[in-house]
Amino acid sequence: MLIDVGFKENDLVTIKLVTGDEIMARFKEEKPNSYKIHRPLTLQATQQGMALVPYAMTVSDDISLEILKTSCIFICKTRSEIEPGYIQATTGISTINTSNIVR
C-alpha cells in the first residue's frame, strides 16, 4: 500500500479505495486503523463532462467520514490545480487564476 505521510488538517487529499473509487476530501486526522476526512467528493461522468459529486449521496454535504486503512490502496495530496474545482463544488465559491492577471 502506497501511503504519503505528513498530511496536515484541511489538506486536500485523494484516496483510492480497493473498490476502485477515488475520493477527494479534506484530511482531518489519521487514526491507528482509519483516516478521518471531511466533505468527500468523487468524479462522475455527466452529459457536460466530468463533475465532482458527493461520495455518499444520501448523507449531509457537510459530513465527516472515517475510511478504514484496509480499504485504501493509497492516500496522497491532491494536485494543486484541482483544488479550485473542489472549493467551488463544496462552497459555491469560484476562485480565479491570478497568474493571468497583469500587474
N, C-alpha and C. Protein backbone atom coordinates (compact mmCIF):
# COMPACT_ATOMS: atom_id res chain seq x y z
N MET A 1 0.84 -1.16 0.00
CA MET A 1 0.00 0.00 0.00
C MET A 1 0.90 1.24 0.00
N LEU A 2 0.64 2.16 -0.94
CA LEU A 2 1.39 3.41 -1.04
C LEU A 2 0.72 4.45 -0.16
N ILE A 3 1.45 4.98 0.80
CA ILE A 3 0.89 5.97 1.72
C ILE A 3 1.85 7.15 1.79
N ASP A 4 1.35 8.33 1.52
CA ASP A 4 2.09 9.57 1.68
C ASP A 4 1.86 10.04 3.11
N VAL A 5 2.92 10.37 3.82
CA VAL A 5 2.77 10.77 5.22
C VAL A 5 2.94 12.27 5.36
N GLY A 6 2.52 12.78 6.47
CA GLY A 6 2.73 14.18 6.77
C GLY A 6 1.61 15.09 6.34
N PHE A 7 0.38 14.61 6.33
CA PHE A 7 -0.75 15.46 5.99
C PHE A 7 -1.08 16.35 7.17
N LYS A 8 -1.47 17.58 6.84
CA LYS A 8 -1.94 18.50 7.87
C LYS A 8 -3.46 18.56 7.80
N GLU A 9 -4.06 18.97 8.89
CA GLU A 9 -5.52 19.13 8.90
C GLU A 9 -5.93 20.11 7.81
N ASN A 10 -6.96 19.75 7.06
CA ASN A 10 -7.52 20.52 5.96
C ASN A 10 -6.75 20.43 4.65
N ASP A 11 -5.67 19.62 4.59
CA ASP A 11 -5.04 19.35 3.30
C ASP A 11 -6.07 18.65 2.42
N LEU A 12 -6.06 18.95 1.13
CA LEU A 12 -6.93 18.24 0.20
C LEU A 12 -6.20 16.97 -0.22
N VAL A 13 -6.81 15.82 0.06
CA VAL A 13 -6.19 14.53 -0.23
C VAL A 13 -7.06 13.72 -1.19
N THR A 14 -6.40 12.82 -1.90
CA THR A 14 -7.08 11.86 -2.77
C THR A 14 -6.83 10.48 -2.18
N ILE A 15 -7.91 9.71 -2.07
CA ILE A 15 -7.82 8.35 -1.55
C ILE A 15 -8.36 7.41 -2.63
N LYS A 16 -7.58 6.42 -2.99
CA LYS A 16 -8.02 5.38 -3.92
C LYS A 16 -8.39 4.17 -3.09
N LEU A 17 -9.62 3.70 -3.25
CA LEU A 17 -10.11 2.56 -2.47
C LEU A 17 -9.96 1.27 -3.25
N VAL A 18 -9.96 0.16 -2.53
CA VAL A 18 -9.84 -1.15 -3.17
C VAL A 18 -11.03 -1.43 -4.09
N THR A 19 -12.13 -0.72 -3.93
CA THR A 19 -13.30 -0.87 -4.80
C THR A 19 -13.11 -0.17 -6.14
N GLY A 20 -12.05 0.65 -6.25
CA GLY A 20 -11.81 1.43 -7.46
C GLY A 20 -12.26 2.86 -7.34
N ASP A 21 -13.03 3.18 -6.30
CA ASP A 21 -13.48 4.55 -6.09
C ASP A 21 -12.30 5.45 -5.76
N GLU A 22 -12.37 6.67 -6.25
CA GLU A 22 -11.37 7.68 -5.93
C GLU A 22 -12.09 8.83 -5.25
N ILE A 23 -11.64 9.18 -4.06
CA ILE A 23 -12.30 10.19 -3.24
C ILE A 23 -11.36 11.36 -3.03
N MET A 24 -11.88 12.59 -3.14
CA MET A 24 -11.17 13.79 -2.74
C MET A 24 -11.87 14.34 -1.51
N ALA A 25 -11.08 14.74 -0.52
CA ALA A 25 -11.68 15.25 0.71
C ALA A 25 -10.65 16.05 1.50
N ARG A 26 -11.12 16.78 2.47
CA ARG A 26 -10.24 17.47 3.41
C ARG A 26 -9.80 16.47 4.47
N PHE A 27 -8.49 16.38 4.67
CA PHE A 27 -7.92 15.49 5.68
C PHE A 27 -8.16 16.09 7.06
N LYS A 28 -8.66 15.27 7.98
CA LYS A 28 -8.87 15.73 9.35
C LYS A 28 -7.87 15.10 10.31
N GLU A 29 -7.77 13.77 10.32
CA GLU A 29 -6.80 13.14 11.20
C GLU A 29 -6.56 11.69 10.79
N GLU A 30 -5.41 11.21 11.19
CA GLU A 30 -5.09 9.80 10.99
C GLU A 30 -5.23 9.09 12.33
N LYS A 31 -5.96 8.00 12.29
CA LYS A 31 -6.12 7.17 13.47
C LYS A 31 -5.39 5.86 13.21
N PRO A 32 -5.21 5.02 14.22
CA PRO A 32 -4.45 3.78 14.00
C PRO A 32 -5.00 2.90 12.86
N ASN A 33 -6.32 2.86 12.70
CA ASN A 33 -6.91 1.98 11.68
C ASN A 33 -7.71 2.71 10.61
N SER A 34 -7.72 4.06 10.66
CA SER A 34 -8.56 4.78 9.71
C SER A 34 -8.04 6.20 9.47
N TYR A 35 -8.61 6.81 8.43
CA TYR A 35 -8.39 8.23 8.14
C TYR A 35 -9.72 8.94 8.31
N LYS A 36 -9.73 10.04 9.03
CA LYS A 36 -10.93 10.84 9.16
C LYS A 36 -10.84 11.94 8.10
N ILE A 37 -11.89 12.04 7.26
CA ILE A 37 -11.93 13.01 6.18
C ILE A 37 -13.23 13.80 6.25
N HIS A 38 -13.23 14.97 5.61
CA HIS A 38 -14.40 15.85 5.64
C HIS A 38 -14.79 16.23 4.22
N ARG A 39 -16.09 16.27 3.95
CA ARG A 39 -16.67 16.64 2.66
C ARG A 39 -16.09 15.82 1.49
N PRO A 40 -16.27 14.51 1.52
CA PRO A 40 -15.73 13.67 0.46
C PRO A 40 -16.51 13.83 -0.85
N LEU A 41 -15.76 13.99 -1.94
CA LEU A 41 -16.34 14.07 -3.28
C LEU A 41 -15.68 13.04 -4.17
N THR A 42 -16.35 12.69 -5.26
CA THR A 42 -15.79 11.78 -6.24
C THR A 42 -16.10 12.33 -7.62
N LEU A 43 -15.34 11.90 -8.63
CA LEU A 43 -15.59 12.31 -10.00
C LEU A 43 -16.67 11.43 -10.61
N GLN A 44 -17.54 12.04 -11.41
CA GLN A 44 -18.58 11.28 -12.08
C GLN A 44 -18.77 11.88 -13.47
N ALA A 45 -18.94 11.00 -14.45
CA ALA A 45 -19.19 11.45 -15.82
C ALA A 45 -20.63 11.95 -15.94
N THR A 46 -20.79 13.12 -16.56
CA THR A 46 -22.12 13.68 -16.81
C THR A 46 -22.21 14.03 -18.30
N GLN A 47 -23.36 14.48 -18.74
CA GLN A 47 -23.52 14.89 -20.14
C GLN A 47 -22.64 16.09 -20.47
N GLN A 48 -22.32 16.91 -19.48
CA GLN A 48 -21.47 18.08 -19.69
C GLN A 48 -19.99 17.78 -19.48
N GLY A 49 -19.64 16.56 -19.17
CA GLY A 49 -18.25 16.19 -18.88
C GLY A 49 -18.13 15.68 -17.45
N MET A 50 -16.92 15.70 -16.92
CA MET A 50 -16.69 15.21 -15.56
C MET A 50 -17.15 16.24 -14.54
N ALA A 51 -17.71 15.76 -13.44
CA ALA A 51 -18.19 16.64 -12.37
C ALA A 51 -17.82 16.04 -11.02
N LEU A 52 -17.59 16.91 -10.04
CA LEU A 52 -17.36 16.48 -8.67
C LEU A 52 -18.72 16.37 -7.99
N VAL A 53 -18.99 15.20 -7.43
CA VAL A 53 -20.27 14.96 -6.76
C VAL A 53 -20.00 14.37 -5.38
N PRO A 54 -20.96 14.49 -4.46
CA PRO A 54 -20.77 13.90 -3.13
C PRO A 54 -20.50 12.40 -3.23
N TYR A 55 -19.57 11.91 -2.42
CA TYR A 55 -19.23 10.49 -2.41
C TYR A 55 -20.40 9.65 -1.92
N ALA A 56 -21.10 10.14 -0.91
CA ALA A 56 -22.27 9.45 -0.37
C ALA A 56 -23.46 10.38 -0.58
N MET A 57 -24.34 10.01 -1.49
CA MET A 57 -25.43 10.90 -1.90
C MET A 57 -26.52 11.08 -0.85
N THR A 58 -26.68 10.15 0.07
CA THR A 58 -27.81 10.20 0.99
C THR A 58 -27.46 10.75 2.38
N VAL A 59 -26.28 11.36 2.51
CA VAL A 59 -25.89 11.95 3.79
C VAL A 59 -25.67 13.45 3.61
N SER A 60 -25.53 14.16 4.70
CA SER A 60 -25.31 15.60 4.67
C SER A 60 -24.08 15.95 3.84
N ASP A 61 -24.14 17.10 3.14
CA ASP A 61 -22.99 17.56 2.35
C ASP A 61 -21.80 17.91 3.24
N ASP A 62 -22.06 18.23 4.50
CA ASP A 62 -21.01 18.68 5.42
C ASP A 62 -20.55 17.53 6.33
N ILE A 63 -20.52 16.32 5.80
CA ILE A 63 -20.23 15.12 6.60
C ILE A 63 -18.72 14.89 6.77
N SER A 64 -18.38 14.30 7.88
CA SER A 64 -17.03 13.76 8.09
C SER A 64 -17.17 12.25 8.16
N LEU A 65 -16.27 11.55 7.51
CA LEU A 65 -16.29 10.09 7.47
C LEU A 65 -14.96 9.53 7.94
N GLU A 66 -14.98 8.28 8.35
CA GLU A 66 -13.75 7.56 8.62
C GLU A 66 -13.63 6.45 7.58
N ILE A 67 -12.51 6.43 6.90
CA ILE A 67 -12.22 5.41 5.89
C ILE A 67 -11.21 4.44 6.50
N LEU A 68 -11.56 3.17 6.54
CA LEU A 68 -10.63 2.18 7.08
C LEU A 68 -9.38 2.06 6.22
N LYS A 69 -8.23 2.01 6.83
CA LYS A 69 -6.98 1.89 6.10
C LYS A 69 -6.93 0.61 5.27
N THR A 70 -7.59 -0.45 5.73
CA THR A 70 -7.61 -1.70 4.98
C THR A 70 -8.40 -1.58 3.68
N SER A 71 -9.19 -0.51 3.54
CA SER A 71 -9.96 -0.27 2.32
C SER A 71 -9.20 0.61 1.32
N CYS A 72 -8.04 1.11 1.71
CA CYS A 72 -7.29 2.06 0.88
C CYS A 72 -6.16 1.38 0.11
N ILE A 73 -6.02 1.79 -1.14
CA ILE A 73 -4.84 1.40 -1.91
C ILE A 73 -3.76 2.45 -1.69
N PHE A 74 -4.16 3.74 -1.76
CA PHE A 74 -3.23 4.81 -1.44
C PHE A 74 -3.97 6.04 -0.98
N ILE A 75 -3.22 6.93 -0.33
CA ILE A 75 -3.70 8.26 0.04
C ILE A 75 -2.55 9.22 -0.24
N CYS A 76 -2.85 10.33 -0.90
CA CYS A 76 -1.81 11.32 -1.20
C CYS A 76 -2.45 12.69 -1.36
N LYS A 77 -1.62 13.73 -1.36
CA LYS A 77 -2.14 15.08 -1.57
C LYS A 77 -2.67 15.18 -3.00
N THR A 78 -3.79 15.88 -3.14
CA THR A 78 -4.39 16.10 -4.45
C THR A 78 -3.60 17.18 -5.19
N ARG A 79 -3.51 17.05 -6.51
CA ARG A 79 -2.81 18.05 -7.33
C ARG A 79 -3.40 19.43 -7.07
N SER A 80 -2.55 20.42 -6.96
CA SER A 80 -2.98 21.77 -6.59
C SER A 80 -3.93 22.39 -7.61
N GLU A 81 -3.81 22.05 -8.88
CA GLU A 81 -4.70 22.65 -9.88
C GLU A 81 -6.13 22.12 -9.79
N ILE A 82 -6.35 21.05 -9.02
CA ILE A 82 -7.69 20.50 -8.82
C ILE A 82 -8.42 21.22 -7.69
N GLU A 83 -7.68 21.82 -6.78
CA GLU A 83 -8.29 22.42 -5.58
C GLU A 83 -9.35 23.48 -5.87
N PRO A 84 -9.19 24.39 -6.86
CA PRO A 84 -10.27 25.35 -7.12
C PRO A 84 -11.60 24.68 -7.47
N GLY A 85 -11.56 23.58 -8.20
CA GLY A 85 -12.79 22.85 -8.52
C GLY A 85 -13.42 22.25 -7.28
N TYR A 86 -12.59 21.74 -6.37
CA TYR A 86 -13.10 21.19 -5.11
C TYR A 86 -13.74 22.30 -4.28
N ILE A 87 -13.08 23.45 -4.19
CA ILE A 87 -13.61 24.57 -3.41
C ILE A 87 -14.96 25.01 -3.98
N GLN A 88 -15.05 25.11 -5.31
CA GLN A 88 -16.31 25.52 -5.92
C GLN A 88 -17.40 24.49 -5.66
N ALA A 89 -17.06 23.20 -5.73
CA ALA A 89 -18.06 22.15 -5.52
C ALA A 89 -18.55 22.08 -4.08
N THR A 90 -17.69 22.42 -3.12
CA THR A 90 -18.08 22.30 -1.71
C THR A 90 -18.62 23.59 -1.11
N THR A 91 -18.26 24.74 -1.69
CA THR A 91 -18.67 26.01 -1.09
C THR A 91 -19.47 26.90 -2.03
N GLY A 92 -19.36 26.65 -3.34
CA GLY A 92 -20.01 27.53 -4.31
C GLY A 92 -19.16 28.74 -4.66
N ILE A 93 -18.00 28.87 -4.02
CA ILE A 93 -17.11 30.00 -4.28
C ILE A 93 -16.21 29.65 -5.46
N SER A 94 -16.18 30.52 -6.45
CA SER A 94 -15.33 30.31 -7.62
C SER A 94 -14.06 31.14 -7.46
N THR A 95 -12.91 30.49 -7.54
CA THR A 95 -11.63 31.21 -7.42
C THR A 95 -11.13 31.57 -8.81
N ILE A 96 -10.21 32.54 -8.87
CA ILE A 96 -9.65 32.95 -10.14
C ILE A 96 -8.18 32.58 -10.20
N ASN A 97 -7.67 32.45 -11.41
CA ASN A 97 -6.27 32.15 -11.62
C ASN A 97 -5.52 33.47 -11.67
N THR A 98 -4.75 33.80 -10.63
CA THR A 98 -4.06 35.09 -10.55
C THR A 98 -2.84 35.15 -11.45
N SER A 99 -2.38 34.04 -12.01
CA SER A 99 -1.20 34.06 -12.87
C SER A 99 -1.48 34.77 -14.19
N ASN A 100 -2.76 34.93 -14.56
CA ASN A 100 -3.12 35.59 -15.81
C ASN A 100 -3.44 37.06 -15.62
N ILE A 101 -3.30 37.58 -14.41
CA ILE A 101 -3.62 38.98 -14.15
C ILE A 101 -2.38 39.83 -14.38
N VAL A 102 -2.53 40.90 -15.17
CA VAL A 102 -1.43 41.82 -15.43
C VAL A 102 -1.34 42.77 -14.24
N ARG A 103 -0.13 42.93 -13.74
CA ARG A 103 0.08 43.81 -12.58
C ARG A 103 0.87 45.03 -12.98
